[in-house]
């Protein structure tokens, strides 16, 4: 198995899609966007009954694992989110009471087993911004499926991502980590704004 050049991660509203497309061009990589496979309509079933949370989360984990292994074999992709942030959602659902302790522990065992079979990316770019800005962006784009989740959900997810980012910044040794605060990023002057990020990423890959 090869090694994925770049993974871009961050919660909804931090600007992943915009930056991934820009960085792909500058780094001469192809974009592999976050893939969504739900052949059994588990997301819809979960929205009606939380008992479907466990199979839904396992399905998403395997989807991200397959996507990552494909990207690893090709070594030409930049990924918009990846398997590495999947436990953020599992932990959140566990705290919501939608996963039992046994289900959550089984999930973690499965996740850790999968991690033993893959290489970390050469470079991981973490996007952050304030919660207020995340909510502003979610409200501005007005997607019904996001808006109906409510502010409490987004706050819980934001806190979970904050812990995730902190853990990566403190513990990750295999990948080069670059953190970007997208709060005040000037998209009209993005080449200059990201010049240092592109330089560091090129050195890593």
N, C-alpha and C. Protein backbone atom coordinates (compact mmCIF):
# COMPACT_ATOMS: atom_id res chain seq x y z
N UNK A 1 0.84 -1.20 0.00
CA UNK A 1 0.00 0.00 0.00
C UNK A 1 0.88 1.25 0.00
N UNK A 2 0.46 2.24 -0.79
CA UNK A 2 1.19 3.50 -0.85
C UNK A 2 0.78 4.41 0.30
N UNK A 3 0.94 5.71 0.06
CA UNK A 3 0.65 6.69 1.10
C UNK A 3 -0.07 7.89 0.51
N UNK A 4 -1.18 8.27 1.12
CA UNK A 4 -1.95 9.42 0.67
C UNK A 4 -1.11 10.69 0.85
N UNK A 5 -1.00 11.54 -0.16
CA UNK A 5 -0.21 12.76 -0.01
C UNK A 5 -0.79 13.74 1.02
N UNK A 6 -2.08 14.09 0.86
CA UNK A 6 -2.66 15.13 1.71
C UNK A 6 -4.10 14.80 2.09
N UNK A 7 -4.41 14.97 3.37
CA UNK A 7 -5.77 14.92 3.87
C UNK A 7 -6.10 16.28 4.47
N UNK A 8 -7.25 16.83 4.11
CA UNK A 8 -7.74 18.07 4.70
C UNK A 8 -8.92 17.73 5.60
N UNK A 9 -8.86 18.17 6.85
CA UNK A 9 -9.91 17.80 7.79
C UNK A 9 -10.38 19.03 8.57
N UNK A 10 -11.59 18.94 9.06
CA UNK A 10 -12.20 20.02 9.82
C UNK A 10 -13.70 19.82 9.80
N UNK A 11 -14.38 20.35 10.78
CA UNK A 11 -15.82 20.13 10.84
C UNK A 11 -16.55 20.92 9.77
N UNK A 12 -17.79 20.62 9.59
CA UNK A 12 -18.65 21.34 8.66
C UNK A 12 -18.54 22.84 8.91
N UNK A 13 -18.39 23.61 7.82
CA UNK A 13 -18.37 25.06 7.96
C UNK A 13 -16.99 25.68 8.09
N UNK A 14 -15.93 24.85 8.09
CA UNK A 14 -14.59 25.42 8.21
C UNK A 14 -13.95 25.71 6.85
N UNK A 15 -14.62 25.37 5.76
CA UNK A 15 -14.13 25.74 4.43
C UNK A 15 -13.33 24.68 3.71
N UNK A 16 -13.60 23.41 4.00
CA UNK A 16 -12.81 22.32 3.40
C UNK A 16 -12.88 22.31 1.89
N UNK A 17 -14.08 22.36 1.34
CA UNK A 17 -14.23 22.22 -0.12
C UNK A 17 -13.48 23.31 -0.87
N UNK A 18 -13.58 24.55 -0.41
CA UNK A 18 -12.89 25.67 -1.06
C UNK A 18 -11.39 25.47 -1.06
N UNK A 19 -10.84 25.12 0.09
CA UNK A 19 -9.39 24.98 0.21
C UNK A 19 -8.86 23.73 -0.48
N UNK A 20 -9.63 22.65 -0.44
CA UNK A 20 -9.19 21.42 -1.11
C UNK A 20 -9.01 21.67 -2.60
N UNK A 21 -9.95 22.33 -3.23
CA UNK A 21 -9.86 22.59 -4.66
C UNK A 21 -8.66 23.48 -4.99
N UNK A 22 -8.41 24.47 -4.15
CA UNK A 22 -7.27 25.37 -4.38
C UNK A 22 -5.95 24.61 -4.19
N UNK A 23 -5.85 23.86 -3.11
CA UNK A 23 -4.61 23.14 -2.82
C UNK A 23 -4.33 22.05 -3.85
N UNK A 24 -5.39 21.41 -4.35
CA UNK A 24 -5.21 20.38 -5.37
C UNK A 24 -4.52 20.97 -6.60
N UNK A 25 -4.95 22.15 -6.99
CA UNK A 25 -4.35 22.81 -8.16
C UNK A 25 -2.89 23.15 -7.90
N UNK A 26 -2.61 23.71 -6.72
CA UNK A 26 -1.26 24.15 -6.40
C UNK A 26 -0.29 22.98 -6.18
N UNK A 27 -0.82 21.87 -5.69
CA UNK A 27 0.03 20.72 -5.38
C UNK A 27 0.02 19.66 -6.48
N UNK A 28 -0.71 19.94 -7.56
CA UNK A 28 -0.81 19.01 -8.70
C UNK A 28 -1.38 17.66 -8.26
N UNK A 29 -2.45 17.72 -7.48
CA UNK A 29 -3.13 16.52 -7.02
C UNK A 29 -4.56 16.50 -7.53
N UNK A 30 -5.20 15.35 -7.48
CA UNK A 30 -6.61 15.23 -7.83
C UNK A 30 -7.45 15.21 -6.55
N UNK A 31 -8.62 15.82 -6.62
CA UNK A 31 -9.51 15.87 -5.47
C UNK A 31 -10.30 14.58 -5.36
N UNK A 32 -10.24 13.95 -4.19
CA UNK A 32 -11.14 12.85 -3.89
C UNK A 32 -12.06 13.34 -2.77
N UNK A 33 -13.24 13.84 -3.12
CA UNK A 33 -14.13 14.41 -2.10
C UNK A 33 -14.68 13.35 -1.16
N UNK A 34 -15.21 13.81 -0.05
CA UNK A 34 -15.81 12.89 0.91
C UNK A 34 -16.91 12.10 0.21
N UNK A 35 -16.84 10.78 0.30
CA UNK A 35 -17.80 9.93 -0.38
C UNK A 35 -18.91 9.50 0.57
N UNK A 36 -20.10 9.44 0.02
CA UNK A 36 -21.27 9.09 0.84
C UNK A 36 -21.97 7.90 0.21
N UNK A 37 -21.83 6.74 0.87
CA UNK A 37 -22.52 5.53 0.38
C UNK A 37 -23.49 5.07 1.46
N UNK A 38 -24.73 4.99 1.09
CA UNK A 38 -25.74 4.57 2.06
C UNK A 38 -26.80 3.73 1.35
N UNK A 39 -26.39 2.55 0.82
CA UNK A 39 -27.31 1.74 0.01
C UNK A 39 -28.51 1.22 0.79
N UNK A 40 -28.41 1.18 2.10
CA UNK A 40 -29.51 0.65 2.91
C UNK A 40 -30.33 1.76 3.58
N UNK A 41 -30.07 2.99 3.14
CA UNK A 41 -30.85 4.14 3.64
C UNK A 41 -30.77 4.25 5.17
N UNK A 42 -29.58 3.99 5.71
CA UNK A 42 -29.40 3.96 7.16
C UNK A 42 -29.49 5.34 7.79
N UNK A 43 -29.04 6.36 7.07
CA UNK A 43 -29.12 7.71 7.62
C UNK A 43 -30.57 8.11 7.84
N UNK A 44 -31.41 7.81 6.87
CA UNK A 44 -32.83 8.12 7.01
C UNK A 44 -33.47 7.30 8.13
N UNK A 45 -33.10 6.02 8.20
CA UNK A 45 -33.64 5.17 9.27
C UNK A 45 -33.20 5.68 10.65
N UNK A 46 -31.93 6.12 10.73
CA UNK A 46 -31.42 6.65 12.00
C UNK A 46 -32.16 7.93 12.41
N UNK A 47 -32.52 8.74 11.42
CA UNK A 47 -33.22 9.99 11.73
C UNK A 47 -34.59 9.72 12.36
N UNK A 48 -35.12 8.51 12.14
CA UNK A 48 -36.42 8.14 12.69
C UNK A 48 -36.32 7.27 13.94
N UNK A 49 -35.18 6.60 14.09
CA UNK A 49 -35.01 5.69 15.24
C UNK A 49 -33.51 5.50 15.50
N UNK A 50 -33.05 5.88 16.69
CA UNK A 50 -31.61 5.86 16.99
C UNK A 50 -31.03 4.45 17.04
N UNK A 51 -31.87 3.41 17.01
CA UNK A 51 -31.33 2.04 17.03
C UNK A 51 -30.49 1.76 15.78
N UNK A 52 -30.70 2.57 14.74
CA UNK A 52 -29.96 2.39 13.51
C UNK A 52 -28.60 3.09 13.53
N UNK A 53 -28.26 3.73 14.62
CA UNK A 53 -27.01 4.49 14.69
C UNK A 53 -25.79 3.59 14.50
N UNK A 54 -25.79 2.45 15.17
CA UNK A 54 -24.62 1.56 15.11
C UNK A 54 -24.33 1.05 13.70
N UNK A 55 -25.31 0.45 13.01
CA UNK A 55 -25.01 0.02 11.63
C UNK A 55 -24.68 1.19 10.71
N UNK A 56 -25.31 2.34 10.94
CA UNK A 56 -25.01 3.51 10.13
C UNK A 56 -23.55 3.93 10.29
N UNK A 57 -23.09 3.98 11.55
CA UNK A 57 -21.72 4.42 11.81
C UNK A 57 -20.70 3.43 11.27
N UNK A 58 -20.99 2.14 11.38
CA UNK A 58 -20.09 1.13 10.81
C UNK A 58 -20.04 1.23 9.29
N UNK A 59 -21.17 1.52 8.69
CA UNK A 59 -21.22 1.69 7.24
C UNK A 59 -20.37 2.87 6.79
N UNK A 60 -20.48 3.99 7.50
CA UNK A 60 -19.70 5.17 7.16
C UNK A 60 -18.21 4.91 7.38
N UNK A 61 -17.87 4.19 8.44
CA UNK A 61 -16.47 3.87 8.71
C UNK A 61 -15.88 3.05 7.57
N UNK A 62 -16.61 2.02 7.12
CA UNK A 62 -16.10 1.18 6.04
C UNK A 62 -16.02 1.95 4.72
N UNK A 63 -16.97 2.84 4.50
CA UNK A 63 -16.92 3.67 3.29
C UNK A 63 -15.66 4.52 3.27
N UNK A 64 -15.34 5.12 4.41
CA UNK A 64 -14.15 5.96 4.49
C UNK A 64 -12.87 5.13 4.42
N UNK A 65 -12.91 3.93 4.97
CA UNK A 65 -11.74 3.05 4.89
C UNK A 65 -11.47 2.66 3.44
N UNK A 66 -12.50 2.24 2.73
CA UNK A 66 -12.34 1.85 1.32
C UNK A 66 -11.82 3.03 0.51
N UNK A 67 -12.40 4.19 0.73
CA UNK A 67 -11.96 5.38 0.00
C UNK A 67 -10.48 5.67 0.28
N UNK A 68 -10.09 5.56 1.53
CA UNK A 68 -8.71 5.87 1.89
C UNK A 68 -7.74 4.86 1.27
N UNK A 69 -8.10 3.58 1.25
CA UNK A 69 -7.21 2.58 0.66
C UNK A 69 -7.06 2.79 -0.85
N UNK A 70 -8.13 3.20 -1.50
CA UNK A 70 -8.05 3.50 -2.94
C UNK A 70 -7.11 4.69 -3.16
N UNK A 71 -7.26 5.72 -2.35
CA UNK A 71 -6.40 6.89 -2.47
C UNK A 71 -4.94 6.54 -2.16
N UNK A 72 -4.74 5.63 -1.21
CA UNK A 72 -3.38 5.22 -0.85
C UNK A 72 -2.70 4.49 -2.02
N UNK A 73 -3.44 3.65 -2.70
CA UNK A 73 -2.88 2.89 -3.80
C UNK A 73 -2.48 3.79 -4.97
N UNK A 74 -3.19 4.90 -5.15
CA UNK A 74 -2.92 5.78 -6.29
C UNK A 74 -1.90 6.87 -5.99
N UNK A 75 -1.84 7.32 -4.74
CA UNK A 75 -0.88 8.34 -4.29
C UNK A 75 -0.95 9.64 -5.10
N UNK A 76 -2.14 9.99 -5.57
CA UNK A 76 -2.26 11.22 -6.36
C UNK A 76 -3.42 12.10 -5.89
N UNK A 77 -4.00 11.73 -4.74
CA UNK A 77 -5.21 12.42 -4.31
C UNK A 77 -4.99 13.29 -3.07
N UNK A 78 -5.79 14.33 -3.00
CA UNK A 78 -5.99 15.10 -1.78
C UNK A 78 -7.41 14.80 -1.32
N UNK A 79 -7.56 14.45 -0.06
CA UNK A 79 -8.86 14.01 0.44
C UNK A 79 -9.55 15.10 1.24
N UNK A 80 -10.83 15.24 0.99
CA UNK A 80 -11.70 16.12 1.77
C UNK A 80 -12.29 15.29 2.91
N UNK A 81 -11.64 15.39 4.08
CA UNK A 81 -11.97 14.58 5.26
C UNK A 81 -11.59 13.11 4.98
N UNK A 82 -11.56 12.30 6.03
CA UNK A 82 -11.12 10.92 5.85
C UNK A 82 -11.54 10.08 7.05
N UNK A 83 -11.05 8.86 7.06
CA UNK A 83 -11.37 7.91 8.13
C UNK A 83 -10.88 8.39 9.50
N UNK A 84 -9.87 9.26 9.53
CA UNK A 84 -9.25 9.64 10.80
C UNK A 84 -10.17 10.47 11.70
N UNK A 85 -11.16 11.13 11.12
CA UNK A 85 -12.09 11.91 11.95
C UNK A 85 -13.39 11.15 12.22
N UNK A 86 -13.51 9.93 11.70
CA UNK A 86 -14.74 9.17 11.91
C UNK A 86 -15.06 8.94 13.39
N UNK A 87 -14.06 8.68 14.24
CA UNK A 87 -14.37 8.48 15.67
C UNK A 87 -14.97 9.70 16.36
N UNK A 88 -14.80 10.88 15.79
CA UNK A 88 -15.42 12.08 16.35
C UNK A 88 -16.93 11.90 16.42
N UNK A 89 -17.49 11.37 15.34
CA UNK A 89 -18.94 11.19 15.27
C UNK A 89 -19.41 10.03 16.14
N UNK A 90 -18.62 8.96 16.16
CA UNK A 90 -18.98 7.81 17.01
C UNK A 90 -19.02 8.22 18.48
N UNK A 91 -18.03 8.99 18.90
CA UNK A 91 -18.00 9.45 20.29
C UNK A 91 -19.18 10.37 20.59
N UNK A 92 -19.50 11.23 19.64
CA UNK A 92 -20.63 12.15 19.81
C UNK A 92 -21.94 11.37 19.96
N UNK A 93 -22.15 10.37 19.11
CA UNK A 93 -23.38 9.57 19.19
C UNK A 93 -23.43 8.76 20.49
N UNK A 94 -22.28 8.32 20.95
CA UNK A 94 -22.22 7.62 22.23
C UNK A 94 -22.64 8.55 23.36
N UNK A 95 -22.13 9.77 23.34
CA UNK A 95 -22.48 10.75 24.37
C UNK A 95 -23.95 11.16 24.29
N UNK A 96 -24.52 11.10 23.08
CA UNK A 96 -25.95 11.38 22.92
C UNK A 96 -26.81 10.22 23.42
N UNK A 97 -26.19 9.06 23.66
CA UNK A 97 -26.94 7.88 24.06
C UNK A 97 -27.47 7.08 22.89
N UNK A 98 -26.98 7.38 21.69
CA UNK A 98 -27.46 6.68 20.50
C UNK A 98 -26.65 5.42 20.20
N UNK A 99 -25.48 5.30 20.84
CA UNK A 99 -24.69 4.08 20.81
C UNK A 99 -24.55 3.59 22.24
N UNK A 100 -24.76 2.29 22.45
CA UNK A 100 -24.54 1.74 23.78
C UNK A 100 -23.04 1.66 24.05
N UNK A 101 -22.67 1.42 25.30
CA UNK A 101 -21.24 1.29 25.62
C UNK A 101 -20.61 0.12 24.86
N UNK A 102 -21.34 -0.98 24.76
CA UNK A 102 -20.83 -2.15 24.03
C UNK A 102 -20.65 -1.82 22.55
N UNK A 103 -21.63 -1.15 21.96
CA UNK A 103 -21.53 -0.78 20.54
C UNK A 103 -20.35 0.16 20.31
N UNK A 104 -20.20 1.13 21.19
CA UNK A 104 -19.11 2.10 21.05
C UNK A 104 -17.75 1.42 21.18
N UNK A 105 -17.61 0.54 22.15
CA UNK A 105 -16.35 -0.18 22.33
C UNK A 105 -16.06 -1.11 21.15
N UNK A 106 -17.10 -1.74 20.62
CA UNK A 106 -16.93 -2.58 19.43
C UNK A 106 -16.47 -1.73 18.24
N UNK A 107 -17.09 -0.56 18.11
CA UNK A 107 -16.69 0.37 17.03
C UNK A 107 -15.21 0.72 17.16
N UNK A 108 -14.77 1.08 18.36
CA UNK A 108 -13.37 1.47 18.56
C UNK A 108 -12.42 0.32 18.27
N UNK A 109 -12.80 -0.89 18.65
CA UNK A 109 -11.98 -2.05 18.35
C UNK A 109 -11.84 -2.24 16.84
N UNK A 110 -12.95 -2.11 16.14
CA UNK A 110 -12.96 -2.25 14.69
C UNK A 110 -12.12 -1.14 14.04
N UNK A 111 -12.30 0.09 14.50
CA UNK A 111 -11.55 1.22 13.97
C UNK A 111 -10.05 1.02 14.17
N UNK A 112 -9.65 0.63 15.36
CA UNK A 112 -8.23 0.45 15.65
C UNK A 112 -7.63 -0.69 14.82
N UNK A 113 -8.41 -1.72 14.58
CA UNK A 113 -7.94 -2.82 13.72
C UNK A 113 -7.70 -2.33 12.30
N UNK A 114 -8.62 -1.52 11.79
CA UNK A 114 -8.45 -0.96 10.45
C UNK A 114 -7.23 -0.05 10.37
N UNK A 115 -6.98 0.71 11.44
CA UNK A 115 -5.84 1.64 11.46
C UNK A 115 -4.51 0.91 11.33
N UNK A 116 -4.47 -0.32 11.78
CA UNK A 116 -3.23 -1.10 11.71
C UNK A 116 -2.88 -1.51 10.28
N UNK A 117 -3.83 -1.37 9.36
CA UNK A 117 -3.62 -1.83 7.99
C UNK A 117 -3.29 -0.69 7.02
N UNK A 118 -3.30 0.55 7.49
CA UNK A 118 -3.07 1.68 6.58
C UNK A 118 -1.95 2.57 7.10
N UNK A 119 -1.40 3.39 6.20
CA UNK A 119 -0.40 4.39 6.56
C UNK A 119 -1.08 5.74 6.73
N UNK A 120 -0.59 6.51 7.68
CA UNK A 120 -1.08 7.87 7.83
C UNK A 120 -0.68 8.68 6.58
N UNK A 121 -1.39 9.77 6.28
CA UNK A 121 -1.01 10.58 5.13
C UNK A 121 0.33 11.29 5.35
N UNK A 122 0.95 11.68 4.26
CA UNK A 122 2.21 12.43 4.38
C UNK A 122 1.97 13.78 5.05
N UNK A 123 0.82 14.38 4.74
CA UNK A 123 0.51 15.71 5.27
C UNK A 123 -0.97 15.76 5.65
N UNK A 124 -1.26 16.26 6.84
CA UNK A 124 -2.64 16.45 7.28
C UNK A 124 -2.86 17.93 7.57
N UNK A 125 -3.81 18.53 6.85
CA UNK A 125 -4.11 19.95 7.02
C UNK A 125 -5.41 20.08 7.80
N UNK A 126 -5.34 20.73 8.94
CA UNK A 126 -6.48 20.85 9.85
C UNK A 126 -7.05 22.26 9.76
N UNK A 127 -8.34 22.36 9.47
CA UNK A 127 -9.00 23.66 9.36
C UNK A 127 -9.80 23.95 10.63
N UNK A 128 -9.67 25.15 11.14
CA UNK A 128 -10.39 25.56 12.33
C UNK A 128 -10.96 26.96 12.15
N UNK A 129 -11.97 27.26 12.92
CA UNK A 129 -12.49 28.63 13.04
C UNK A 129 -13.42 28.65 14.25
N UNK A 130 -13.92 29.82 14.61
CA UNK A 130 -14.77 29.92 15.79
C UNK A 130 -16.13 29.28 15.55
N UNK A 131 -16.80 28.94 16.63
CA UNK A 131 -18.13 28.34 16.51
C UNK A 131 -19.12 29.33 15.86
N UNK A 132 -19.02 30.60 16.23
CA UNK A 132 -19.92 31.60 15.64
C UNK A 132 -19.77 31.64 14.12
N UNK A 133 -18.53 31.55 13.65
CA UNK A 133 -18.30 31.59 12.21
C UNK A 133 -18.81 30.31 11.54
N UNK A 134 -18.64 29.17 12.19
CA UNK A 134 -19.20 27.91 11.68
C UNK A 134 -20.70 28.05 11.48
N UNK A 135 -21.39 28.57 12.50
CA UNK A 135 -22.84 28.72 12.41
C UNK A 135 -23.24 29.73 11.33
N UNK A 136 -22.48 30.82 11.21
CA UNK A 136 -22.77 31.81 10.16
C UNK A 136 -22.71 31.15 8.78
N UNK A 137 -21.71 30.34 8.56
CA UNK A 137 -21.54 29.70 7.25
C UNK A 137 -22.62 28.65 6.99
N UNK A 138 -22.98 27.91 8.03
CA UNK A 138 -24.05 26.92 7.88
C UNK A 138 -25.37 27.61 7.55
N UNK A 139 -25.65 28.71 8.23
CA UNK A 139 -26.89 29.44 7.99
C UNK A 139 -26.90 30.12 6.62
N UNK A 140 -25.73 30.62 6.20
CA UNK A 140 -25.65 31.31 4.91
C UNK A 140 -25.90 30.36 3.74
N UNK A 141 -25.39 29.13 3.83
CA UNK A 141 -25.61 28.23 2.69
C UNK A 141 -26.98 27.56 2.75
N UNK A 142 -27.62 27.59 3.90
CA UNK A 142 -29.03 27.25 4.01
C UNK A 142 -29.45 25.85 3.62
N UNK A 143 -28.61 24.86 3.87
CA UNK A 143 -28.99 23.48 3.55
C UNK A 143 -29.96 22.97 4.62
N UNK A 144 -31.10 22.49 4.18
CA UNK A 144 -32.15 22.09 5.11
C UNK A 144 -31.69 20.98 6.05
N UNK A 145 -30.94 20.01 5.51
CA UNK A 145 -30.50 18.88 6.34
C UNK A 145 -29.55 19.33 7.45
N UNK A 146 -28.80 20.41 7.22
CA UNK A 146 -27.91 20.95 8.24
C UNK A 146 -28.65 21.83 9.23
N UNK A 147 -29.55 22.65 8.73
CA UNK A 147 -30.26 23.59 9.59
C UNK A 147 -31.17 22.88 10.59
N UNK A 148 -31.77 21.78 10.17
CA UNK A 148 -32.73 21.12 11.06
C UNK A 148 -32.05 20.37 12.22
N UNK A 149 -30.72 20.21 12.15
CA UNK A 149 -30.01 19.56 13.24
C UNK A 149 -29.97 20.43 14.50
N UNK A 150 -30.02 21.74 14.32
CA UNK A 150 -30.10 22.64 15.46
C UNK A 150 -28.74 23.03 16.03
N UNK A 151 -28.72 24.16 16.71
CA UNK A 151 -27.47 24.72 17.23
C UNK A 151 -26.84 23.83 18.29
N UNK A 152 -27.63 23.14 19.10
CA UNK A 152 -27.07 22.29 20.15
C UNK A 152 -26.24 21.16 19.55
N UNK A 153 -26.73 20.59 18.45
CA UNK A 153 -25.96 19.52 17.79
C UNK A 153 -24.62 20.06 17.29
N UNK A 154 -24.66 21.21 16.63
CA UNK A 154 -23.44 21.77 16.06
C UNK A 154 -22.45 22.17 17.15
N UNK A 155 -22.95 22.63 18.28
CA UNK A 155 -22.06 22.98 19.38
C UNK A 155 -21.38 21.73 19.94
N UNK A 156 -22.14 20.66 20.09
CA UNK A 156 -21.56 19.41 20.58
C UNK A 156 -20.51 18.88 19.60
N UNK A 157 -20.80 18.96 18.31
CA UNK A 157 -19.85 18.50 17.30
C UNK A 157 -18.61 19.40 17.29
N UNK A 158 -18.81 20.69 17.46
CA UNK A 158 -17.69 21.63 17.49
C UNK A 158 -16.75 21.30 18.65
N UNK A 159 -17.31 21.04 19.82
CA UNK A 159 -16.49 20.69 20.98
C UNK A 159 -15.75 19.37 20.74
N UNK A 160 -16.43 18.40 20.11
CA UNK A 160 -15.80 17.12 19.81
C UNK A 160 -14.63 17.30 18.85
N UNK A 161 -14.82 18.16 17.87
CA UNK A 161 -13.74 18.43 16.91
C UNK A 161 -12.58 19.18 17.57
N UNK A 162 -12.88 20.05 18.51
CA UNK A 162 -11.82 20.75 19.22
C UNK A 162 -10.92 19.75 19.94
N UNK A 163 -11.53 18.75 20.58
CA UNK A 163 -10.76 17.71 21.26
C UNK A 163 -9.95 16.89 20.25
N UNK A 164 -10.56 16.60 19.11
CA UNK A 164 -9.91 15.83 18.05
C UNK A 164 -8.68 16.57 17.53
N UNK A 165 -8.83 17.85 17.26
CA UNK A 165 -7.72 18.66 16.75
C UNK A 165 -6.60 18.75 17.79
N UNK A 166 -6.97 18.97 19.03
CA UNK A 166 -5.97 19.05 20.09
C UNK A 166 -5.17 17.75 20.18
N UNK A 167 -5.84 16.63 20.10
CA UNK A 167 -5.17 15.34 20.16
C UNK A 167 -4.20 15.16 19.00
N UNK A 168 -4.62 15.55 17.80
CA UNK A 168 -3.74 15.45 16.63
C UNK A 168 -2.51 16.34 16.80
N UNK A 169 -2.73 17.57 17.21
CA UNK A 169 -1.63 18.51 17.34
C UNK A 169 -0.61 18.06 18.39
N UNK A 170 -1.09 17.38 19.42
CA UNK A 170 -0.20 16.96 20.51
C UNK A 170 0.45 15.60 20.28
N UNK A 171 -0.22 14.73 19.53
CA UNK A 171 0.23 13.33 19.49
C UNK A 171 0.67 12.80 18.14
N UNK A 172 0.23 13.42 17.05
CA UNK A 172 0.54 12.86 15.74
C UNK A 172 2.03 13.01 15.41
N UNK A 173 2.67 11.88 15.07
CA UNK A 173 4.10 11.88 14.77
C UNK A 173 4.41 11.46 13.33
N UNK A 174 3.49 10.74 12.71
CA UNK A 174 3.77 10.18 11.39
C UNK A 174 3.53 11.17 10.25
N UNK A 175 2.56 12.05 10.41
CA UNK A 175 2.20 13.00 9.35
C UNK A 175 2.68 14.40 9.71
N UNK A 176 3.00 15.17 8.67
CA UNK A 176 3.24 16.60 8.89
C UNK A 176 1.89 17.27 9.11
N UNK A 177 1.75 18.01 10.19
CA UNK A 177 0.48 18.65 10.53
C UNK A 177 0.56 20.15 10.27
N UNK A 178 -0.41 20.64 9.52
CA UNK A 178 -0.53 22.08 9.25
C UNK A 178 -1.92 22.53 9.68
N UNK A 179 -1.99 23.50 10.56
CA UNK A 179 -3.28 24.02 11.01
C UNK A 179 -3.55 25.37 10.36
N UNK A 180 -4.76 25.54 9.84
CA UNK A 180 -5.15 26.80 9.21
C UNK A 180 -6.40 27.34 9.90
N UNK A 181 -6.31 28.54 10.41
CA UNK A 181 -7.48 29.23 10.94
C UNK A 181 -8.17 29.94 9.78
N UNK A 182 -9.33 29.42 9.38
CA UNK A 182 -10.02 29.96 8.20
C UNK A 182 -10.96 31.12 8.51
N UNK A 183 -10.98 31.55 9.76
CA UNK A 183 -11.92 32.59 10.18
C UNK A 183 -11.82 33.86 9.34
N UNK A 184 -10.58 34.35 9.17
CA UNK A 184 -10.38 35.61 8.47
C UNK A 184 -9.64 35.43 7.16
N UNK A 185 -9.69 34.20 6.62
CA UNK A 185 -9.00 33.92 5.37
C UNK A 185 -9.62 34.73 4.24
N UNK A 186 -8.80 35.45 3.52
CA UNK A 186 -9.26 36.30 2.41
C UNK A 186 -9.23 35.48 1.12
N UNK A 187 -10.39 35.01 0.70
CA UNK A 187 -10.46 34.16 -0.49
C UNK A 187 -10.12 34.91 -1.77
N UNK A 188 -10.24 36.25 -1.74
CA UNK A 188 -9.88 37.05 -2.92
C UNK A 188 -8.36 37.13 -3.09
N UNK A 189 -7.64 36.80 -2.03
CA UNK A 189 -6.18 36.85 -2.07
C UNK A 189 -5.61 35.51 -1.59
N UNK A 190 -6.26 34.43 -2.01
CA UNK A 190 -5.97 33.11 -1.44
C UNK A 190 -4.57 32.62 -1.79
N UNK A 191 -4.05 32.98 -2.97
CA UNK A 191 -2.71 32.54 -3.34
C UNK A 191 -1.68 33.02 -2.32
N UNK A 192 -1.76 34.29 -1.96
CA UNK A 192 -0.81 34.85 -1.00
C UNK A 192 -1.08 34.33 0.41
N UNK A 193 -2.35 34.19 0.75
CA UNK A 193 -2.73 33.74 2.09
C UNK A 193 -2.21 32.32 2.36
N UNK A 194 -2.21 31.48 1.35
CA UNK A 194 -1.83 30.08 1.54
C UNK A 194 -0.44 29.76 0.99
N UNK A 195 0.32 30.76 0.69
CA UNK A 195 1.65 30.52 0.11
C UNK A 195 2.51 29.65 1.03
N UNK A 196 2.51 29.96 2.32
CA UNK A 196 3.31 29.19 3.27
C UNK A 196 2.79 27.77 3.44
N UNK A 197 1.46 27.61 3.42
CA UNK A 197 0.85 26.29 3.55
C UNK A 197 1.23 25.41 2.37
N UNK A 198 1.15 25.96 1.15
CA UNK A 198 1.51 25.22 -0.04
C UNK A 198 2.98 24.81 0.00
N UNK A 199 3.83 25.71 0.42
CA UNK A 199 5.28 25.43 0.50
C UNK A 199 5.53 24.27 1.48
N UNK A 200 4.91 24.33 2.66
CA UNK A 200 5.10 23.28 3.65
C UNK A 200 4.55 21.93 3.19
N UNK A 201 3.39 21.98 2.53
CA UNK A 201 2.78 20.74 2.03
C UNK A 201 3.65 20.11 0.95
N UNK A 202 4.19 20.94 0.06
CA UNK A 202 5.07 20.41 -1.00
C UNK A 202 6.29 19.71 -0.41
N UNK A 203 6.83 20.29 0.64
CA UNK A 203 7.99 19.68 1.29
C UNK A 203 7.63 18.33 1.90
N UNK A 204 6.40 18.20 2.37
CA UNK A 204 5.98 16.95 3.03
C UNK A 204 5.71 15.83 2.04
N UNK A 205 5.23 16.19 0.85
CA UNK A 205 4.83 15.14 -0.12
C UNK A 205 5.88 14.89 -1.18
